[in-house]
N, C-alpha and C. Protein backbone atom coordinates (compact mmCIF):
# COMPACT_ATOMS: atom_id res chain seq x y z
N UNK A 1 116.63 105.98 92.15
CA UNK A 1 115.66 105.09 92.73
C UNK A 1 114.60 106.02 93.45
N UNK A 2 113.45 105.78 93.86
CA UNK A 2 112.64 106.71 94.67
C UNK A 2 111.68 105.28 95.45
N UNK A 3 111.56 105.87 96.72
CA UNK A 3 111.02 105.27 97.94
C UNK A 3 109.77 105.84 98.69
N UNK A 4 108.59 104.88 98.67
CA UNK A 4 107.39 105.12 99.42
C UNK A 4 107.07 103.89 100.12
N UNK A 5 106.33 104.50 100.93
CA UNK A 5 105.94 103.51 102.40
C UNK A 5 104.29 103.41 102.21
N UNK A 6 103.79 102.40 101.81
CA UNK A 6 102.46 102.20 101.53
C UNK A 6 101.76 101.48 102.66
N UNK A 7 100.71 101.55 103.37
CA UNK A 7 100.18 100.67 104.35
C UNK A 7 98.87 100.40 103.86
N UNK A 8 98.36 99.24 103.50
CA UNK A 8 97.04 98.86 102.92
C UNK A 8 96.60 97.15 103.70
N UNK A 9 96.47 97.52 104.83
CA UNK A 9 96.07 96.21 105.70
C UNK A 9 97.04 95.44 105.92
N UNK A 10 96.89 93.86 105.90
CA UNK A 10 98.13 93.05 106.14
C UNK A 10 99.08 93.41 105.16
N UNK A 11 100.00 93.36 105.91
CA UNK A 11 101.40 93.38 104.55
C UNK A 11 101.66 92.40 103.92
N UNK A 12 101.40 91.16 104.34
CA UNK A 12 101.78 89.58 103.53
C UNK A 12 101.44 90.07 102.06
N UNK A 13 99.98 90.40 101.90
CA UNK A 13 99.45 90.35 100.32
C UNK A 13 99.90 91.60 99.81
N UNK A 14 99.97 93.10 100.40
CA UNK A 14 100.41 93.96 99.88
C UNK A 14 101.65 93.85 99.03
N UNK A 15 102.75 93.49 99.87
CA UNK A 15 103.96 93.42 99.57
C UNK A 15 103.97 92.56 98.50
N UNK A 16 103.19 91.25 98.34
CA UNK A 16 103.32 90.65 97.24
C UNK A 16 102.89 91.47 95.95
N UNK A 17 101.60 92.18 96.09
CA UNK A 17 101.15 92.95 95.27
C UNK A 17 102.04 93.69 94.35
N UNK A 18 102.89 94.47 95.06
CA UNK A 18 103.47 95.67 94.79
C UNK A 18 104.87 94.60 93.84
N UNK A 19 105.53 93.77 94.64
CA UNK A 19 106.73 93.07 94.29
C UNK A 19 106.16 92.46 92.64
N UNK A 20 105.49 92.63 92.48
CA UNK A 20 104.97 92.07 90.93
C UNK A 20 104.93 93.03 89.90
N UNK A 21 104.79 94.55 89.99
CA UNK A 21 104.64 95.50 89.47
C UNK A 21 106.06 96.24 88.76
N UNK A 22 106.05 96.04 87.43
CA UNK A 22 107.13 96.51 86.24
C UNK A 22 107.72 97.80 87.22
N UNK A 23 108.49 97.85 87.30
CA UNK A 23 109.21 99.20 87.79
C UNK A 23 109.43 99.40 89.67
N UNK A 24 108.86 98.18 90.21
CA UNK A 24 109.17 98.03 91.22
C UNK A 24 110.41 97.18 91.75
N UNK A 25 111.56 97.99 92.52
CA UNK A 25 112.42 97.07 92.33
C UNK A 25 113.21 96.31 93.69
N UNK A 26 112.29 96.68 94.62
CA UNK A 26 112.74 95.93 95.83
C UNK A 26 111.28 96.41 96.97
N UNK A 27 111.08 95.49 97.53
CA UNK A 27 109.92 95.40 98.59
C UNK A 27 110.55 94.95 100.19
N UNK A 28 109.95 95.73 101.31
CA UNK A 28 110.10 94.83 102.16
C UNK A 28 108.83 95.30 103.18
N UNK A 29 108.67 94.59 104.08
CA UNK A 29 107.30 94.54 105.02
C UNK A 29 108.34 95.02 106.40
N UNK A 30 107.37 95.99 106.82
CA UNK A 30 107.73 96.73 108.21
C UNK A 30 106.28 97.63 108.98
N UNK A 31 106.99 98.18 110.20
CA UNK A 31 105.90 98.61 110.92
C UNK A 31 106.64 100.39 110.86
N UNK A 32 105.56 101.21 110.46
CA UNK A 32 105.62 102.67 110.37
C UNK A 32 104.86 103.38 111.30
N UNK A 33 105.70 104.64 111.52
CA UNK A 33 105.10 105.63 111.98
C UNK A 33 104.01 105.35 113.47
N UNK A 34 104.80 104.41 113.84
CA UNK A 34 104.04 104.34 115.60
C UNK A 34 104.88 105.01 116.56
N UNK A 35 104.61 104.43 117.80
CA UNK A 35 105.19 105.42 119.07
C UNK A 35 106.15 104.59 119.99
N UNK A 36 106.76 103.51 119.29
CA UNK A 36 107.72 102.81 119.89
C UNK A 36 108.77 102.68 118.85
N UNK A 37 110.16 101.88 119.20
CA UNK A 37 111.23 101.87 118.54
C UNK A 37 111.14 99.97 118.47
N UNK A 38 111.41 99.40 117.36
CA UNK A 38 112.05 98.25 117.37
C UNK A 38 110.98 97.24 117.69
N UNK A 39 109.42 97.65 117.12
CA UNK A 39 108.60 96.64 117.87
C UNK A 39 108.57 95.23 117.13
N UNK A 40 107.84 94.30 117.76
CA UNK A 40 107.62 93.10 117.51
C UNK A 40 106.58 93.19 116.91
N UNK A 41 106.00 91.69 115.90
CA UNK A 41 104.90 91.66 115.35
C UNK A 41 103.62 91.59 116.32
N UNK A 42 103.77 90.70 117.59
CA UNK A 42 103.18 90.78 118.62
C UNK A 42 102.85 92.10 119.50
N UNK A 43 103.60 92.87 119.48
CA UNK A 43 103.65 94.09 120.25
C UNK A 43 102.62 94.66 119.11
N UNK A 44 103.11 95.02 117.79
CA UNK A 44 101.91 95.75 116.98
C UNK A 44 100.60 95.19 117.15
N UNK A 45 100.44 93.78 116.99
CA UNK A 45 99.10 93.18 117.28
C UNK A 45 98.39 93.50 118.37
N UNK A 46 99.15 93.71 119.27
CA UNK A 46 98.16 93.42 120.70
C UNK A 46 98.48 94.57 121.74
N UNK A 47 99.50 95.45 121.56
CA UNK A 47 100.13 96.40 122.60
C UNK A 47 99.85 97.77 121.88
N UNK A 48 99.04 98.01 121.48
CA UNK A 48 98.58 99.54 120.81
C UNK A 48 100.02 100.55 120.70
N UNK A 49 100.90 100.03 119.69
CA UNK A 49 102.02 100.52 119.52
C UNK A 49 102.02 101.88 118.32
N UNK A 50 100.83 102.18 117.87
CA UNK A 50 100.46 102.92 116.91
C UNK A 50 101.40 102.88 115.43
N UNK A 51 101.75 101.55 115.13
CA UNK A 51 102.45 101.17 113.96
C UNK A 51 101.58 100.76 113.13
N UNK A 52 101.56 101.35 111.85
CA UNK A 52 100.50 100.30 110.50
C UNK A 52 101.64 99.34 110.02
N UNK A 53 101.23 98.25 109.73
CA UNK A 53 101.88 97.27 108.91
C UNK A 53 101.78 97.93 107.29
N UNK A 54 103.38 98.04 106.95
CA UNK A 54 103.40 98.90 105.80
C UNK A 54 104.47 98.29 105.13
N UNK A 55 104.55 98.49 104.05
CA UNK A 55 105.37 98.15 102.82
C UNK A 55 106.37 99.14 102.17
N UNK A 56 107.55 98.93 102.33
CA UNK A 56 108.62 99.56 101.53
C UNK A 56 108.62 99.37 100.41
N UNK A 57 108.15 99.98 99.35
CA UNK A 57 108.19 100.20 98.23
C UNK A 57 109.38 100.85 97.45
N UNK A 58 110.50 100.33 96.83
CA UNK A 58 111.32 100.97 96.05
C UNK A 58 110.90 100.74 94.50
N UNK A 59 111.20 101.97 93.74
CA UNK A 59 110.70 102.23 92.29
C UNK A 59 111.57 102.75 91.74
N UNK A 60 111.54 102.49 90.34
CA UNK A 60 112.34 103.41 89.32
C UNK A 60 111.17 104.32 88.89
N UNK A 61 110.92 105.59 88.83
CA UNK A 61 109.93 106.52 88.65
C UNK A 61 110.17 106.69 87.22
N UNK A 62 111.21 106.43 86.51
CA UNK A 62 111.39 106.71 85.09
C UNK A 62 110.23 105.42 84.53
N UNK A 63 110.17 104.44 84.96
CA UNK A 63 109.55 103.07 84.49
C UNK A 63 107.94 103.21 85.24
N UNK A 64 107.89 103.58 86.30
CA UNK A 64 106.85 103.49 87.16
C UNK A 64 106.65 104.88 88.21
N UNK A 65 105.82 106.08 87.49
CA UNK A 65 105.57 107.32 88.05
C UNK A 65 104.95 107.13 89.33
N UNK A 66 104.95 107.96 90.28
CA UNK A 66 104.56 107.76 91.39
C UNK A 66 102.88 108.06 91.06
N UNK A 67 102.45 108.69 90.18
CA UNK A 67 101.38 108.75 89.97
C UNK A 67 100.65 107.46 89.69
N UNK A 68 101.21 106.45 88.82
CA UNK A 68 100.40 105.26 88.38
C UNK A 68 100.75 104.30 89.67
N UNK A 69 101.75 104.52 90.57
CA UNK A 69 101.92 103.49 91.64
C UNK A 69 100.98 103.86 92.39
N UNK A 70 100.49 105.04 92.92
CA UNK A 70 99.22 105.41 93.80
C UNK A 70 97.77 104.62 92.60
N UNK A 71 97.62 104.88 91.98
CA UNK A 71 96.69 104.21 91.22
C UNK A 71 96.25 102.91 91.31
N UNK A 72 97.38 102.42 91.63
CA UNK A 72 97.75 100.92 91.59
C UNK A 72 97.38 100.43 93.03
N UNK A 73 97.65 100.93 93.98
CA UNK A 73 97.73 101.14 95.24
C UNK A 73 96.13 101.06 95.72
N UNK A 74 95.61 102.18 94.81
CA UNK A 74 94.17 102.29 95.29
C UNK A 74 93.35 101.17 95.15
N UNK A 75 93.99 100.57 94.05
CA UNK A 75 93.05 99.43 93.50
C UNK A 75 92.99 97.91 94.14
N UNK A 76 94.02 98.01 95.53
CA UNK A 76 93.74 96.94 96.28
C UNK A 76 93.47 97.46 97.60
N UNK A 77 93.04 98.62 97.96
CA UNK A 77 92.40 99.01 99.45
C UNK A 77 91.10 99.81 99.26
N UNK A 78 90.30 99.76 100.51
CA UNK A 78 89.15 100.05 100.56
C UNK A 78 89.48 101.55 101.23
N UNK A 79 89.61 102.72 100.38
CA UNK A 79 90.05 104.05 101.25
C UNK A 79 89.12 104.66 101.73
N UNK A 80 87.92 104.25 102.24
CA UNK A 80 86.86 104.76 102.97
C UNK A 80 87.06 104.06 104.08
N UNK A 81 87.29 102.87 104.56
CA UNK A 81 87.66 102.25 105.61
C UNK A 81 88.46 102.50 106.39
N UNK A 82 88.26 102.62 107.91
CA UNK A 82 88.84 103.23 108.84
C UNK A 82 89.18 101.78 109.77
N UNK A 83 90.89 101.41 110.12
CA UNK A 83 91.31 100.62 110.56
C UNK A 83 90.83 99.34 110.29
N UNK A 84 90.50 98.91 108.74
CA UNK A 84 90.23 97.65 108.51
C UNK A 84 90.30 97.80 107.16
N UNK A 85 90.77 96.70 106.79
CA UNK A 85 90.97 95.85 105.08
C UNK A 85 90.90 94.87 105.13
N UNK A 86 89.57 94.15 104.51
CA UNK A 86 89.24 92.67 104.49
C UNK A 86 89.35 92.31 105.60
N UNK A 87 89.37 91.05 105.96
CA UNK A 87 89.21 90.76 107.37
C UNK A 87 89.83 91.31 108.58
N UNK A 88 90.84 91.99 108.39
CA UNK A 88 91.62 92.69 109.26
C UNK A 88 91.24 93.87 110.21
N UNK A 89 90.99 93.71 111.27
CA UNK A 89 90.43 94.96 112.07
C UNK A 89 91.56 95.31 112.77
N UNK A 90 91.84 96.72 113.02
CA UNK A 90 92.96 97.33 114.28
C UNK A 90 93.63 98.31 113.44
N UNK A 91 94.30 99.57 114.42
CA UNK A 91 94.77 100.42 113.57
C UNK A 91 96.04 100.54 113.02
N UNK A 92 96.36 99.15 113.59
CA UNK A 92 97.72 98.30 112.39
C UNK A 92 97.79 98.03 110.98
N UNK A 93 95.96 98.13 111.19
CA UNK A 93 95.86 97.55 109.14
C UNK A 93 94.91 98.77 108.73
N UNK A 94 95.40 99.98 109.12
CA UNK A 94 94.95 101.47 108.43
C UNK A 94 95.51 101.67 107.37
N UNK A 95 95.09 102.29 106.52
CA UNK A 95 95.55 102.83 105.26
C UNK A 95 96.42 103.94 105.28
N UNK A 96 97.74 103.75 104.85
CA UNK A 96 98.55 105.30 105.02
C UNK A 96 99.50 105.12 103.51
N UNK A 97 100.09 106.24 103.15
CA UNK A 97 100.93 106.95 102.18
C UNK A 97 101.88 107.70 103.05
N UNK A 98 103.16 106.95 103.06
CA UNK A 98 103.99 107.50 104.01
C UNK A 98 105.17 107.76 103.45
N UNK A 99 105.62 109.30 103.04
CA UNK A 99 106.70 109.71 102.02
C UNK A 99 107.69 110.10 102.61
N UNK A 100 109.15 110.28 102.03
CA UNK A 100 110.41 110.69 102.34
C UNK A 100 110.51 112.07 101.82
N UNK A 101 110.27 112.11 100.90
CA UNK A 101 110.45 113.36 99.78
C UNK A 101 109.26 114.38 99.82
N UNK A 102 109.67 115.53 100.09
CA UNK A 102 108.54 116.55 100.34
C UNK A 102 107.97 116.65 98.82
N UNK A 103 108.64 116.72 98.10
CA UNK A 103 108.50 116.80 96.57
C UNK A 103 107.28 115.81 96.02
N UNK A 104 107.24 114.60 96.90
CA UNK A 104 106.09 113.90 96.85
C UNK A 104 104.80 114.33 97.17
N UNK A 105 104.73 115.09 98.14
CA UNK A 105 103.54 115.45 98.64
C UNK A 105 102.47 116.24 97.67
N UNK A 106 102.69 117.06 97.01
CA UNK A 106 101.90 117.64 96.25
C UNK A 106 101.04 116.49 95.31
N UNK A 107 102.02 115.53 94.89
CA UNK A 107 101.74 114.47 93.91
C UNK A 107 100.22 113.53 94.36
N UNK A 108 100.86 113.17 95.67
CA UNK A 108 99.80 112.39 96.66
C UNK A 108 98.66 112.94 96.83
N UNK A 109 98.66 114.43 97.06
CA UNK A 109 97.43 115.26 97.73
C UNK A 109 96.61 115.37 96.54
N UNK A 110 97.22 115.60 95.37
CA UNK A 110 96.40 115.58 93.84
C UNK A 110 95.96 114.28 93.66
N UNK A 111 96.50 113.04 93.97
CA UNK A 111 95.93 111.97 93.54
C UNK A 111 94.82 111.63 94.73
N UNK A 112 95.07 111.92 95.87
CA UNK A 112 94.29 111.65 96.61
C UNK A 112 92.55 112.64 96.34
N UNK A 113 92.95 113.64 95.89
CA UNK A 113 91.70 114.55 95.45
C UNK A 113 91.02 114.04 94.47
N UNK A 114 91.60 113.26 93.52
CA UNK A 114 91.04 112.57 92.14
C UNK A 114 90.41 111.52 92.75
N UNK A 115 90.87 110.89 93.71
CA UNK A 115 90.53 109.50 94.34
C UNK A 115 89.22 109.86 94.89
N UNK A 116 88.95 110.88 95.93
CA UNK A 116 87.53 111.32 96.33
C UNK A 116 86.58 111.46 95.68
N UNK A 117 86.81 112.16 94.07
CA UNK A 117 85.61 111.96 93.40
C UNK A 117 84.81 111.08 92.92
N UNK A 118 85.30 109.46 93.46
CA UNK A 118 85.15 108.56 92.95
C UNK A 118 83.93 107.95 94.29
N UNK A 119 84.27 108.29 95.47
CA UNK A 119 83.68 107.90 96.57
C UNK A 119 82.74 108.92 96.94
N UNK A 120 81.53 108.62 97.59
CA UNK A 120 80.90 109.52 98.43
C UNK A 120 81.13 109.68 100.31
N UNK A 121 81.95 108.53 100.29
CA UNK A 121 82.46 108.62 101.64
C UNK A 121 83.79 109.33 101.88
N UNK A 122 84.23 109.69 102.91
CA UNK A 122 85.44 110.55 102.81
C UNK A 122 86.42 109.54 102.59
N UNK A 123 87.51 110.08 102.22
CA UNK A 123 88.69 109.07 102.02
C UNK A 123 89.55 109.32 103.21
N UNK A 124 89.98 107.79 103.75
CA UNK A 124 90.34 108.20 105.30
C UNK A 124 92.02 107.51 105.01
N UNK A 125 92.59 107.58 103.83
CA UNK A 125 94.04 106.84 103.73
C UNK A 125 94.79 108.15 104.68
N UNK A 126 95.54 107.89 105.56
CA UNK A 126 96.42 108.76 106.15
C UNK A 126 97.71 109.07 105.42
N UNK A 127 98.07 110.38 105.12
CA UNK A 127 98.90 110.85 104.27
C UNK A 127 100.07 111.89 105.40
N UNK A 128 101.13 111.28 105.57
CA UNK A 128 102.10 111.93 106.62
C UNK A 128 103.62 111.39 106.26
N UNK A 129 104.54 112.21 106.59
CA UNK A 129 105.87 112.12 106.37
C UNK A 129 106.08 110.69 107.27
N UNK A 130 107.12 109.83 106.58
CA UNK A 130 107.51 108.59 107.46
C UNK A 130 108.36 109.42 108.50
N UNK A 131 107.94 108.60 109.79
CA UNK A 131 108.86 109.14 110.73
C UNK A 131 109.20 107.95 111.57
N UNK A 132 108.96 107.01 111.20
CA UNK A 132 109.93 105.48 111.77
C UNK A 132 109.08 104.58 110.61
N UNK A 133 110.40 103.77 110.61
CA UNK A 133 110.11 102.56 109.89
C UNK A 133 111.12 101.20 110.22
N UNK A 134 110.63 100.08 110.72
CA UNK A 134 111.20 99.41 111.47
C UNK A 134 110.87 97.89 110.55
N UNK A 135 112.00 97.18 109.87
CA UNK A 135 111.33 95.79 109.23
C UNK A 135 110.94 94.93 110.09
N UNK A 136 110.20 94.36 109.80
CA UNK A 136 109.55 93.36 110.44
C UNK A 136 110.48 91.97 110.40
N UNK A 137 110.27 91.01 111.11
CA UNK A 137 110.50 89.84 111.40
C UNK A 137 110.85 89.34 109.98
N UNK A 138 111.78 88.33 109.56
CA UNK A 138 112.24 87.67 108.51
C UNK A 138 111.10 86.83 108.21
N UNK A 139 110.65 86.04 108.94
CA UNK A 139 109.60 85.39 108.45
C UNK A 139 108.29 85.92 107.66
N UNK A 140 108.02 87.31 108.02
CA UNK A 140 107.32 88.03 107.23
C UNK A 140 107.55 88.50 106.06
N UNK A 141 108.87 88.79 105.69
CA UNK A 141 109.50 89.25 104.23
C UNK A 141 109.08 87.98 103.60
N UNK A 142 108.36 88.45 102.39
CA UNK A 142 107.93 88.07 101.04
C UNK A 142 107.34 86.56 101.61
N UNK A 143 106.26 86.65 102.58
CA UNK A 143 105.47 85.95 103.35
C UNK A 143 104.97 84.80 102.11
N UNK A 144 104.02 85.54 101.42
CA UNK A 144 103.39 84.60 100.42
C UNK A 144 104.16 83.76 98.91
N UNK A 145 105.14 84.28 98.97
CA UNK A 145 106.39 83.75 98.02
C UNK A 145 106.37 82.56 98.85
N UNK A 146 106.83 82.28 100.41
CA UNK A 146 107.13 81.33 101.00
C UNK A 146 105.92 80.39 101.32
N UNK A 147 104.96 80.88 101.44
CA UNK A 147 103.87 79.91 101.89
C UNK A 147 102.37 80.67 100.85
N UNK A 148 102.64 79.83 99.52
CA UNK A 148 101.74 80.25 98.45
C UNK A 148 100.01 80.18 98.72
N UNK A 149 99.80 79.24 99.85
CA UNK A 149 98.45 79.27 100.01
C UNK A 149 98.14 80.16 101.08
N UNK A 150 99.28 81.12 101.81
CA UNK A 150 98.80 81.76 103.18
C UNK A 150 97.72 82.89 102.83
N UNK A 151 97.08 83.40 104.04
CA UNK A 151 96.13 84.32 104.12
C UNK A 151 96.35 85.51 103.21
N UNK A 152 95.44 86.21 102.81
CA UNK A 152 95.53 87.24 101.80
C UNK A 152 94.25 88.13 101.77
N UNK A 153 94.44 89.49 102.02
CA UNK A 153 92.82 89.86 101.59
C UNK A 153 92.62 90.41 100.38
N UNK A 154 93.92 90.39 99.55
CA UNK A 154 94.00 90.78 98.18
C UNK A 154 93.55 89.73 97.22
N UNK A 155 92.59 89.73 96.54
CA UNK A 155 92.21 88.81 95.52
C UNK A 155 93.52 88.58 94.41
N UNK A 156 93.42 87.29 93.99
CA UNK A 156 94.38 86.51 93.29
C UNK A 156 94.56 87.31 91.77
N UNK A 157 92.94 87.67 91.38
CA UNK A 157 93.03 88.33 90.09
C UNK A 157 93.78 89.64 90.11
N UNK A 158 94.09 90.45 91.34
CA UNK A 158 94.84 91.82 91.66
C UNK A 158 96.21 91.50 91.29
N UNK A 159 96.85 89.95 91.61
CA UNK A 159 98.42 89.75 91.73
C UNK A 159 98.41 89.49 90.00
N UNK A 160 97.29 89.29 89.20
CA UNK A 160 97.39 88.82 87.61
C UNK A 160 97.70 90.29 87.44
N UNK A 161 96.64 91.39 87.70
CA UNK A 161 97.02 92.38 86.94
C UNK A 161 98.15 93.50 87.43
N UNK A 162 98.71 93.13 88.72
CA UNK A 162 100.04 93.83 88.85
C UNK A 162 100.87 93.32 87.90
N UNK A 163 100.96 92.11 87.46
CA UNK A 163 101.73 91.75 86.77
C UNK A 163 101.87 92.34 85.18
N UNK A 164 100.62 92.57 85.06
CA UNK A 164 100.76 93.47 83.56
C UNK A 164 100.54 94.55 83.79
N UNK A 165 100.49 95.53 84.78
CA UNK A 165 100.40 96.74 84.94
C UNK A 165 102.06 97.63 84.38
């Protein structure tokens, strides 16, 4: 199994989306690459902790290569938007790819370079090694499964697409 951490705005919808993709074996939501330890949701939301709402994605790279996973990720973010996805605004909603395996970096960089060819604005997806990750509170885990009508900045059509990917 391989693991990558992807920030794409509010983690509720992003987690739901990734959980539906064939080859993804586990997801969890949490806070990544900030400057505090064990932050709470309220701290991340209001106290400038530097954390991004992030989804831990554990996947079988034999079924779902990182290149394909990243293409699916790009399909549900605006890679040119700084600290904003959908109606969510703030640095905690930035986009980011946080890797734990140095061998993933060239794949990520090549993927970003290809993505940039499709846009006139610069790509602002943060690409960094994962330095910190703290799971979010239990009520955030699989939030949209527990609250099917809950808020989500990702369109329902994308969830259908994820199931078919």
